[in-house]
């Protein structure tokens, strides 16, 4: 289980495990679970199109200093 603060994610570029750039995270792009206040999903607005991509929080594989890597198999369009 990954434990992160929201500030650890904001402004970072998100790529999938195949190296595809999916978008950047901002505070409008996070779905919070009501009961416990945990991050449930990230909503990314794709860099090259108007398509939104939803990434379940459990799909985060690694968080670096400027990039978040997510499992490419868990993308929900």
PDB file of N, CA and C in Angstrom:
ATOM      1  N   UNK A   1       0.842  -1.186   0.000  1.00  0.00           N
ATOM      2  CA  UNK A   1       0.000   0.000   0.000  1.00  0.00           C
ATOM      3  C   UNK A   1       0.882   1.242   0.000  1.00  0.00           C
ATOM      4  N   UNK A   2       0.539   2.194  -0.847  1.00  0.00           N
ATOM      5  CA  UNK A   2       1.271   3.450  -0.936  1.00  0.00           C
ATOM      6  C   UNK A   2       0.559   4.490  -0.074  1.00  0.00           C
ATOM      7  N   UNK A   3       1.311   5.189   0.763  1.00  0.00           N
ATOM      8  CA  UNK A   3       0.760   6.269   1.580  1.00  0.00           C
ATOM      9  C   UNK A   3       1.365   7.571   1.073  1.00  0.00           C
ATOM     10  N   UNK A   4       0.499   8.479   0.615  1.00  0.00           N
ATOM     11  CA  UNK A   4       0.949   9.742   0.045  1.00  0.00           C
ATOM     12  C   UNK A   4       0.084  10.882   0.547  1.00  0.00           C
ATOM     13  N   UNK A   5       0.665  12.060   0.567  1.00  0.00           N
ATOM     14  CA  UNK A   5      -0.107  13.276   0.785  1.00  0.00           C
ATOM     15  C   UNK A   5      -0.514  13.803  -0.586  1.00  0.00           C
ATOM     16  N   UNK A   6      -1.607  14.526  -0.641  1.00  0.00           N
ATOM     17  CA  UNK A   6      -2.064  15.101  -1.894  1.00  0.00           C
ATOM     18  C   UNK A   6      -0.972  15.948  -2.538  1.00  0.00           C
ATOM     19  N   UNK A   7      -0.232  16.698  -1.736  1.00  0.00           N
ATOM     20  CA  UNK A   7       0.841  17.539  -2.265  1.00  0.00           C
ATOM     21  C   UNK A   7       1.948  16.736  -2.930  1.00  0.00           C
ATOM     22  N   UNK A   8       2.072  15.438  -2.594  1.00  0.00           N
ATOM     23  CA  UNK A   8       3.063  14.582  -3.239  1.00  0.00           C
ATOM     24  C   UNK A   8       2.704  14.299  -4.694  1.00  0.00           C
ATOM     25  N   UNK A   9       1.452  14.519  -5.068  1.00  0.00           N
ATOM     26  CA  UNK A   9       0.977  14.195  -6.413  1.00  0.00           C
ATOM     27  C   UNK A   9       0.746  15.413  -7.301  1.00  0.00           C
ATOM     28  N   UNK A  10       0.336  16.533  -6.708  1.00  0.00           N
ATOM     29  CA  UNK A  10      -0.056  17.704  -7.492  1.00  0.00           C
ATOM     30  C   UNK A  10       1.063  18.199  -8.401  1.00  0.00           C
ATOM     31  N   UNK A  11       0.704  18.443  -9.660  1.00  0.00           N
ATOM     32  CA  UNK A  11       1.639  18.996 -10.628  1.00  0.00           C
ATOM     33  C   UNK A  11       2.523  17.981 -11.325  1.00  0.00           C
ATOM     34  N   UNK A  12       2.456  16.731 -10.928  1.00  0.00           N
ATOM     35  CA  UNK A  12       3.336  15.721 -11.520  1.00  0.00           C
ATOM     36  C   UNK A  12       2.741  15.160 -12.804  1.00  0.00           C
ATOM     37  N   UNK A  13       3.623  14.843 -13.729  1.00  0.00           N
ATOM     38  CA  UNK A  13       3.250  14.182 -14.969  1.00  0.00           C
ATOM     39  C   UNK A  13       2.955  12.726 -14.668  1.00  0.00           C
ATOM     40  N   UNK A  14       1.897  12.193 -15.277  1.00  0.00           N
ATOM     41  CA  UNK A  14       1.545  10.785 -15.100  1.00  0.00           C
ATOM     42  C   UNK A  14       1.850  10.049 -16.396  1.00  0.00           C
ATOM     43  N   UNK A  15       2.615   8.963 -16.269  1.00  0.00           N
ATOM     44  CA  UNK A  15       2.879   8.088 -17.408  1.00  0.00           C
ATOM     45  C   UNK A  15       2.466   6.672 -17.027  1.00  0.00           C
ATOM     46  N   UNK A  16       2.155   5.869 -18.056  1.00  0.00           N
ATOM     47  CA  UNK A  16       1.829   4.478 -17.747  1.00  0.00           C
ATOM     48  C   UNK A  16       3.091   3.621 -17.853  1.00  0.00           C
ATOM     49  N   UNK A  17       2.963   2.351 -17.542  1.00  0.00           N
ATOM     50  CA  UNK A  17       4.124   1.456 -17.517  1.00  0.00           C
ATOM     51  C   UNK A  17       4.708   1.208 -18.903  1.00  0.00           C
ATOM     52  N   UNK A  18       4.022   1.668 -19.954  1.00  0.00           N
ATOM     53  CA  UNK A  18       4.561   1.588 -21.312  1.00  0.00           C
ATOM     54  C   UNK A  18       5.239   2.889 -21.728  1.00  0.00           C
ATOM     55  N   UNK A  19       5.242   3.884 -20.839  1.00  0.00           N
ATOM     56  CA  UNK A  19       5.887   5.163 -21.126  1.00  0.00           C
ATOM     57  C   UNK A  19       4.984   6.189 -21.789  1.00  0.00           C
ATOM     58  N   UNK A  20       3.699   5.894 -21.943  1.00  0.00           N
ATOM     59  CA  UNK A  20       2.760   6.844 -22.545  1.00  0.00           C
ATOM     60  C   UNK A  20       2.427   7.958 -21.559  1.00  0.00           C
ATOM     61  N   UNK A  21       2.523   9.211 -22.017  1.00  0.00           N
ATOM     62  CA  UNK A  21       2.176  10.356 -21.175  1.00  0.00           C
ATOM     63  C   UNK A  21       0.660  10.485 -21.121  1.00  0.00           C
ATOM     64  N   UNK A  22       0.110  10.527 -19.911  1.00  0.00           N
ATOM     65  CA  UNK A  22      -1.339  10.582 -19.737  1.00  0.00           C
ATOM     66  C   UNK A  22      -1.853  11.952 -19.331  1.00  0.00           C
ATOM     67  N   UNK A  23      -1.047  12.764 -18.692  1.00  0.00           N
ATOM     68  CA  UNK A  23      -1.473  14.083 -18.244  1.00  0.00           C
ATOM     69  C   UNK A  23      -0.805  14.461 -16.939  1.00  0.00           C
ATOM     70  N   UNK A  24      -1.157  15.651 -16.431  1.00  0.00           N
ATOM     71  CA  UNK A  24      -0.635  16.116 -15.143  1.00  0.00           C
ATOM     72  C   UNK A  24      -1.759  16.122 -14.123  1.00  0.00           C
ATOM     73  N   UNK A  25      -1.383  15.955 -12.870  1.00  0.00           N
ATOM     74  CA  UNK A  25      -2.357  15.918 -11.778  1.00  0.00           C
ATOM     75  C   UNK A  25      -2.538  17.315 -11.206  1.00  0.00           C
ATOM     76  N   UNK A  26      -3.798  17.746 -11.108  1.00  0.00           N
ATOM     77  CA  UNK A  26      -4.083  18.962 -10.343  1.00  0.00           C
ATOM     78  C   UNK A  26      -5.222  18.665  -9.373  1.00  0.00           C
ATOM     79  N   UNK A  27      -5.568  19.625  -8.542  1.00  0.00           N
ATOM     80  CA  UNK A  27      -6.527  19.348  -7.463  1.00  0.00           C
ATOM     81  C   UNK A  27      -7.956  19.127  -7.943  1.00  0.00           C
ATOM     82  N   UNK A  28      -8.234  19.355  -9.223  1.00  0.00           N
ATOM     83  CA  UNK A  28      -9.566  19.067  -9.769  1.00  0.00           C
ATOM     84  C   UNK A  28      -9.667  17.631 -10.251  1.00  0.00           C
ATOM     85  N   UNK A  29      -8.552  16.908 -10.242  1.00  0.00           N
ATOM     86  CA  UNK A  29      -8.465  15.602 -10.879  1.00  0.00           C
ATOM     87  C   UNK A  29      -8.438  14.441  -9.903  1.00  0.00           C
ATOM     88  N   UNK A  30      -8.979  14.632  -8.717  1.00  0.00           N
ATOM     89  CA  UNK A  30      -8.888  13.592  -7.700  1.00  0.00           C
ATOM     90  C   UNK A  30     -10.284  13.262  -7.180  1.00  0.00           C
ATOM     91  N   UNK A  31     -10.601  11.976  -7.126  1.00  0.00           N
ATOM     92  CA  UNK A  31     -11.873  11.519  -6.565  1.00  0.00           C
ATOM     93  C   UNK A  31     -11.593  11.015  -5.154  1.00  0.00           C
ATOM     94  N   UNK A  32     -12.282  11.599  -4.192  1.00  0.00           N
ATOM     95  CA  UNK A  32     -12.098  11.239  -2.786  1.00  0.00           C
ATOM     96  C   UNK A  32     -13.258  10.345  -2.344  1.00  0.00           C
ATOM     97  N   UNK A  33     -12.955   9.259  -1.675  1.00  0.00           N
ATOM     98  CA  UNK A  33     -13.966   8.363  -1.102  1.00  0.00           C
ATOM     99  C   UNK A  33     -14.542   9.058   0.129  1.00  0.00           C
ATOM    100  N   UNK A  34     -15.854   9.170   0.195  1.00  0.00           N
ATOM    101  CA  UNK A  34     -16.512   9.965   1.240  1.00  0.00           C
ATOM    102  C   UNK A  34     -16.303   9.458   2.656  1.00  0.00           C
ATOM    103  N   UNK A  35     -16.445   8.191   2.887  1.00  0.00           N
ATOM    104  CA  UNK A  35     -16.459   7.667   4.253  1.00  0.00           C
ATOM    105  C   UNK A  35     -15.123   7.853   4.976  1.00  0.00           C
ATOM    106  N   UNK A  36     -14.021   7.530   4.315  1.00  0.00           N
ATOM    107  CA  UNK A  36     -12.709   7.602   4.961  1.00  0.00           C
ATOM    108  C   UNK A  36     -11.855   8.769   4.480  1.00  0.00           C
ATOM    109  N   UNK A  37     -12.282   9.460   3.437  1.00  0.00           N
ATOM    110  CA  UNK A  37     -11.520  10.586   2.920  1.00  0.00           C
ATOM    111  C   UNK A  37     -10.262  10.180   2.185  1.00  0.00           C
ATOM    112  N   UNK A  38     -10.225   8.957   1.682  1.00  0.00           N
ATOM    113  CA  UNK A  38      -9.051   8.465   0.954  1.00  0.00           C
ATOM    114  C   UNK A  38      -9.184   8.763  -0.536  1.00  0.00           C
ATOM    115  N   UNK A  39      -8.045   8.932  -1.204  1.00  0.00           N
ATOM    116  CA  UNK A  39      -8.052   9.121  -2.648  1.00  0.00           C
ATOM    117  C   UNK A  39      -8.480   7.808  -3.288  1.00  0.00           C
ATOM    118  N   UNK A  40      -9.495   7.882  -4.144  1.00  0.00           N
ATOM    119  CA  UNK A  40     -10.018   6.690  -4.803  1.00  0.00           C
ATOM    120  C   UNK A  40      -9.491   6.565  -6.229  1.00  0.00           C
ATOM    121  N   UNK A  41      -9.484   7.684  -6.962  1.00  0.00           N
ATOM    122  CA  UNK A  41      -9.070   7.662  -8.365  1.00  0.00           C
ATOM    123  C   UNK A  41      -8.483   9.005  -8.762  1.00  0.00           C
ATOM    124  N   UNK A  42      -7.735   8.992  -9.851  1.00  0.00           N
ATOM    125  CA  UNK A  42      -7.230  10.205 -10.478  1.00  0.00           C
ATOM    126  C   UNK A  42      -7.933  10.350 -11.821  1.00  0.00           C
ATOM    127  N   UNK A  43      -8.371  11.548 -12.153  1.00  0.00           N
ATOM    128  CA  UNK A  43      -8.955  11.818 -13.463  1.00  0.00           C
ATOM    129  C   UNK A  43      -7.952  12.687 -14.209  1.00  0.00           C
ATOM    130  N   UNK A  44      -7.464  12.187 -15.322  1.00  0.00           N
ATOM    131  CA  UNK A  44      -6.464  12.914 -16.094  1.00  0.00           C
ATOM    132  C   UNK A  44      -7.049  13.333 -17.430  1.00  0.00           C
ATOM    133  N   UNK A  45      -6.787  14.561 -17.815  1.00  0.00           N
ATOM    134  CA  UNK A  45      -7.197  15.056 -19.120  1.00  0.00           C
ATOM    135  C   UNK A  45      -5.991  14.881 -20.027  1.00  0.00           C
ATOM    136  N   UNK A  46      -6.121  13.970 -20.988  1.00  0.00           N
ATOM    137  CA  UNK A  46      -5.005  13.547 -21.831  1.00  0.00           C
ATOM    138  C   UNK A  46      -4.322  14.745 -22.470  1.00  0.00           C
ATOM    139  N   UNK A  47      -3.011  14.682 -22.560  1.00  0.00           N
ATOM    140  CA  UNK A  47      -2.196  15.777 -23.080  1.00  0.00           C
ATOM    141  C   UNK A  47      -2.531  16.101 -24.529  1.00  0.00           C
ATOM    142  N   UNK A  48      -2.731  15.078 -25.363  1.00  0.00           N
ATOM    143  CA  UNK A  48      -2.896  15.295 -26.800  1.00  0.00           C
ATOM    144  C   UNK A  48      -4.342  15.246 -27.283  1.00  0.00           C
ATOM    145  N   UNK A  49      -5.305  15.039 -26.393  1.00  0.00           N
ATOM    146  CA  UNK A  49      -6.707  15.011 -26.814  1.00  0.00           C
ATOM    147  C   UNK A  49      -7.587  15.517 -25.675  1.00  0.00           C
ATOM    148  N   UNK A  50      -8.884  15.600 -25.941  1.00  0.00           N
ATOM    149  CA  UNK A  50      -9.810  16.042 -24.894  1.00  0.00           C
ATOM    150  C   UNK A  50     -10.317  14.862 -24.065  1.00  0.00           C
ATOM    151  N   UNK A  51      -9.812  13.681 -24.343  1.00  0.00           N
ATOM    152  CA  UNK A  51     -10.228  12.461 -23.650  1.00  0.00           C
ATOM    153  C   UNK A  51      -9.774  12.465 -22.191  1.00  0.00           C
ATOM    154  N   UNK A  52     -10.681  12.083 -21.297  1.00  0.00           N
ATOM    155  CA  UNK A  52     -10.327  11.944 -19.882  1.00  0.00           C
ATOM    156  C   UNK A  52     -10.028  10.480 -19.595  1.00  0.00           C
ATOM    157  N   UNK A  53      -9.053  10.251 -18.735  1.00  0.00           N
ATOM    158  CA  UNK A  53      -8.662   8.904 -18.341  1.00  0.00           C
ATOM    159  C   UNK A  53      -8.790   8.820 -16.826  1.00  0.00           C
ATOM    160  N   UNK A  54      -9.435   7.768 -16.334  1.00  0.00           N
ATOM    161  CA  UNK A  54      -9.575   7.561 -14.891  1.00  0.00           C
ATOM    162  C   UNK A  54      -8.612   6.463 -14.468  1.00  0.00           C
ATOM    163  N   UNK A  55      -7.793   6.752 -13.472  1.00  0.00           N
ATOM    164  CA  UNK A  55      -6.818   5.801 -12.946  1.00  0.00           C
ATOM    165  C   UNK A  55      -7.199   5.473 -11.505  1.00  0.00           C
ATOM    166  N   UNK A  56      -7.527   4.223 -11.199  1.00  0.00           N
ATOM    167  CA  UNK A  56      -7.760   3.862  -9.795  1.00  0.00           C
ATOM    168  C   UNK A  56      -6.487   4.111  -8.980  1.00  0.00           C
ATOM    169  N   UNK A  57      -6.634   4.611  -7.765  1.00  0.00           N
ATOM    170  CA  UNK A  57      -5.467   4.941  -6.945  1.00  0.00           C
ATOM    171  C   UNK A  57      -4.558   3.733  -6.739  1.00  0.00           C
ATOM    172  N   UNK A  58      -5.141   2.548  -6.664  1.00  0.00           N
ATOM    173  CA  UNK A  58      -4.352   1.327  -6.512  1.00  0.00           C
ATOM    174  C   UNK A  58      -3.488   1.015  -7.719  1.00  0.00           C
ATOM    175  N   UNK A  59      -3.716   1.721  -8.832  1.00  0.00           N
ATOM    176  CA  UNK A  59      -2.927   1.515 -10.040  1.00  0.00           C
ATOM    177  C   UNK A  59      -1.613   2.272 -10.052  1.00  0.00           C
ATOM    178  N   UNK A  60      -1.359   3.089  -9.029  1.00  0.00           N
ATOM    179  CA  UNK A  60      -0.092   3.815  -8.956  1.00  0.00           C
ATOM    180  C   UNK A  60       1.015   2.828  -8.612  1.00  0.00           C
ATOM    181  N   UNK A  61       2.024   2.775  -9.475  1.00  0.00           N
ATOM    182  CA  UNK A  61       3.143   1.860  -9.271  1.00  0.00           C
ATOM    183  C   UNK A  61       4.322   2.534  -8.581  1.00  0.00           C
ATOM    184  N   UNK A  62       4.563   3.797  -8.934  1.00  0.00           N
ATOM    185  CA  UNK A  62       5.721   4.498  -8.384  1.00  0.00           C
ATOM    186  C   UNK A  62       5.492   5.998  -8.452  1.00  0.00           C
ATOM    187  N   UNK A  63       6.003   6.716  -7.462  1.00  0.00           N
ATOM    188  CA  UNK A  63       5.937   8.171  -7.443  1.00  0.00           C
ATOM    189  C   UNK A  63       7.356   8.689  -7.346  1.00  0.00           C
ATOM    190  N   UNK A  64       7.781   9.403  -8.390  1.00  0.00           N
ATOM    191  CA  UNK A  64       9.111   9.987  -8.402  1.00  0.00           C
ATOM    192  C   UNK A  64       9.041  11.472  -8.096  1.00  0.00           C
ATOM    193  N   UNK A  65      10.156  12.157  -8.265  1.00  0.00           N
ATOM    194  CA  UNK A  65      10.198  13.582  -7.939  1.00  0.00           C
ATOM    195  C   UNK A  65       9.368  14.427  -8.904  1.00  0.00           C
ATOM    196  N   UNK A  66       9.189  13.971 -10.151  1.00  0.00           N
ATOM    197  CA  UNK A  66       8.391  14.741 -11.101  1.00  0.00           C
ATOM    198  C   UNK A  66       7.406  13.895 -11.901  1.00  0.00           C
ATOM    199  N   UNK A  67       7.432  12.572 -11.715  1.00  0.00           N
ATOM    200  CA  UNK A  67       6.599  11.672 -12.513  1.00  0.00           C
ATOM    201  C   UNK A  67       5.907  10.645 -11.615  1.00  0.00           C
ATOM    202  N   UNK A  68       4.660  10.331 -11.965  1.00  0.00           N
ATOM    203  CA  UNK A  68       3.915   9.246 -11.328  1.00  0.00           C
ATOM    204  C   UNK A  68       3.722   8.163 -12.384  1.00  0.00           C
ATOM    205  N   UNK A  69       4.104   6.933 -12.059  1.00  0.00           N
ATOM    206  CA  UNK A  69       3.955   5.812 -12.987  1.00  0.00           C
ATOM    207  C   UNK A  69       2.747   4.993 -12.553  1.00  0.00           C
ATOM    208  N   UNK A  70       1.846   4.741 -13.512  1.00  0.00           N
ATOM    209  CA  UNK A  70       0.643   3.960 -13.224  1.00  0.00           C
ATOM    210  C   UNK A  70       0.598   2.722 -14.112  1.00  0.00           C
ATOM    211  N   UNK A  71      -0.084   1.709 -13.638  1.00  0.00           N
ATOM    212  CA  UNK A  71      -0.238   0.456 -14.373  1.00  0.00           C
ATOM    213  C   UNK A  71      -1.093   0.704 -15.613  1.00  0.00           C
ATOM    214  N   UNK A  72      -0.550   0.407 -16.783  1.00  0.00           N
ATOM    215  CA  UNK A  72      -1.277   0.657 -18.028  1.00  0.00           C
ATOM    216  C   UNK A  72      -2.510  -0.226 -18.165  1.00  0.00           C
ATOM    217  N   UNK A  73      -2.579  -1.319 -17.444  1.00  0.00           N
ATOM    218  CA  UNK A  73      -3.722  -2.235 -17.530  1.00  0.00           C
ATOM    219  C   UNK A  73      -4.938  -1.720 -16.768  1.00  0.00           C
ATOM    220  N   UNK A  74      -4.758  -0.756 -15.875  1.00  0.00           N
ATOM    221  CA  UNK A  74      -5.853  -0.299 -15.018  1.00  0.00           C
ATOM    222  C   UNK A  74      -6.506   0.995 -15.482  1.00  0.00           C
ATOM    223  N   UNK A  75      -6.174   1.478 -16.670  1.00  0.00           N
ATOM    224  CA  UNK A  75      -6.794   2.698 -17.193  1.00  0.00           C
ATOM    225  C   UNK A  75      -8.259   2.459 -17.504  1.00  0.00           C
ATOM    226  N   UNK A  76      -9.087   3.422 -17.147  1.00  0.00           N
ATOM    227  CA  UNK A  76     -10.509   3.373 -17.477  1.00  0.00           C
ATOM    228  C   UNK A  76     -10.814   4.617 -18.299  1.00  0.00           C
ATOM    229  N   UNK A  77     -11.229   4.452 -19.536  1.00  0.00           N
ATOM    230  CA  UNK A  77     -11.548   5.626 -20.376  1.00  0.00           C
ATOM    231  C   UNK A  77     -13.000   5.984 -20.247  1.00  0.00           C
TER     232      UNK A  77
END
